[in-house]
Amino acid sequence: VRPSVVNAEQFADRLVADGHLTRFQAVKLLGGFWQGLVVGSFRLMCPIGRGGVGIVYLARDDRRPAGGRTPRLVALKLLSPTRARQE
């Protein structure tokens, strides 16, 4: 089976086409700029881990929490393009 995505740029194009990222977000990620990037309802704050599968970021969940509480902080793992193709 031939993968439909073969490099980071094509992976970014696919994420944009599928509505997961804006073109602006894709360009920032491809350039290595992640700070303040919003993925879904999550705002990336800083990387907290890196491994063979991807990068784990401290992120703030910007969805409105019940009861007016402050937004939650979460760990958000973004798979590397190579690993994402395998999933």
Protein backbone atom coordinates (compact mmCIF):
# COMPACT_ATOMS: atom_id res chain seq x y z
CA VAL A 1 0.00 0.00 0.00
CA ARG A 2 1.48 3.34 -1.04
CA PRO A 3 1.00 6.10 1.56
CA SER A 4 -0.95 9.13 0.37
CA VAL A 5 1.40 11.48 2.25
CA VAL A 6 5.16 11.26 1.76
CA ASN A 7 6.64 14.40 3.36
CA ALA A 8 5.88 17.08 5.95
CA GLU A 9 4.60 19.59 3.39
CA GLN A 10 2.15 17.08 1.94
CA PHE A 11 1.06 16.11 5.44
CA ALA A 12 0.44 19.78 6.26
CA ASP A 13 -1.50 20.19 3.00
CA ARG A 14 -3.68 17.23 3.95
CA LEU A 15 -4.38 18.67 7.42
CA VAL A 16 -5.37 21.98 5.81
CA ALA A 17 -7.56 20.27 3.20
CA ASP A 18 -9.30 18.21 5.89
CA GLY A 19 -9.95 21.34 7.98
CA HIS A 20 -7.72 20.39 10.92
CA LEU A 21 -5.31 23.32 10.45
CA THR A 22 -5.42 26.66 8.69
CA ARG A 23 -2.78 27.44 6.07
CA PHE A 24 -1.26 29.93 8.55
CA GLN A 25 -0.97 27.22 11.22
CA ALA A 26 0.57 24.77 8.76
CA VAL A 27 3.20 27.31 7.65
CA LYS A 28 4.07 28.09 11.28
CA LEU A 29 4.45 24.41 12.17
CA LEU A 30 6.55 23.68 9.11
CA GLY A 31 8.79 26.59 10.09
CA GLY A 32 9.21 25.21 13.61
CA PHE A 33 7.06 27.86 15.30
CA TRP A 34 4.60 26.26 17.70
CA GLN A 35 4.13 28.80 20.53
CA GLY A 36 0.57 30.06 20.65
CA LEU A 37 -0.53 27.68 17.91
CA VAL A 38 -4.14 26.54 18.27
CA VAL A 39 -4.99 22.95 17.35
CA GLY A 40 -8.72 22.36 17.70
CA SER A 41 -9.59 23.83 21.08
CA PHE A 42 -6.05 23.46 22.41
CA ARG A 43 -3.52 26.32 22.58
CA LEU A 44 0.07 25.02 22.67
CA MET A 45 2.09 26.57 25.49
CA CYS A 46 5.44 24.75 25.56
CA PRO A 47 6.97 21.37 24.70
CA ILE A 48 7.33 19.04 27.68
CA GLY A 49 8.61 15.88 26.01
CA ARG A 50 9.95 14.50 22.77
CA GLY A 51 10.39 10.96 21.55
CA GLY A 52 10.27 8.67 18.56
CA VAL A 53 6.51 9.06 18.15
CA GLY A 54 6.19 12.84 18.34
CA ILE A 55 6.24 15.82 20.68
CA VAL A 56 4.17 16.29 23.84
CA TYR A 57 3.11 19.87 24.58
CA LEU A 58 1.63 21.53 27.60
CA ALA A 59 -1.59 22.96 26.19
CA ARG A 60 -4.55 24.92 27.44
CA ASP A 61 -8.00 23.57 26.58
CA ASP A 62 -9.93 26.69 25.53
CA ARG A 63 -13.36 25.06 25.59
CA ARG A 64 -15.60 26.75 28.12
CA PRO A 65 -15.42 24.66 31.31
CA ALA A 66 -18.63 23.99 33.21
CA GLY A 67 -19.32 26.28 36.14
CA GLY A 68 -17.08 29.07 34.87
CA ARG A 69 -13.90 27.38 36.03
CA THR A 70 -10.57 28.31 34.52
CA PRO A 71 -9.50 26.44 31.37
CA ARG A 72 -7.79 23.08 31.91
CA LEU A 73 -4.14 22.45 31.25
CA VAL A 74 -3.51 19.20 29.39
CA ALA A 75 -0.69 17.24 27.79
CA LEU A 76 -1.25 17.08 24.04
CA LYS A 77 0.80 14.70 21.89
CA LEU A 78 1.30 15.61 18.25
CA LEU A 79 2.51 12.68 16.19
CA SER A 80 5.40 13.12 13.81
CA PRO A 81 4.30 13.01 10.14
CA THR A 82 5.99 9.62 9.70
CA ARG A 83 4.20 8.12 12.68
CA ALA A 84 0.86 9.72 11.74
CA ARG A 85 1.02 7.99 8.34
CA GLN A 86 1.40 4.63 10.11
CA GLU A 87 -1.66 5.11 12.35
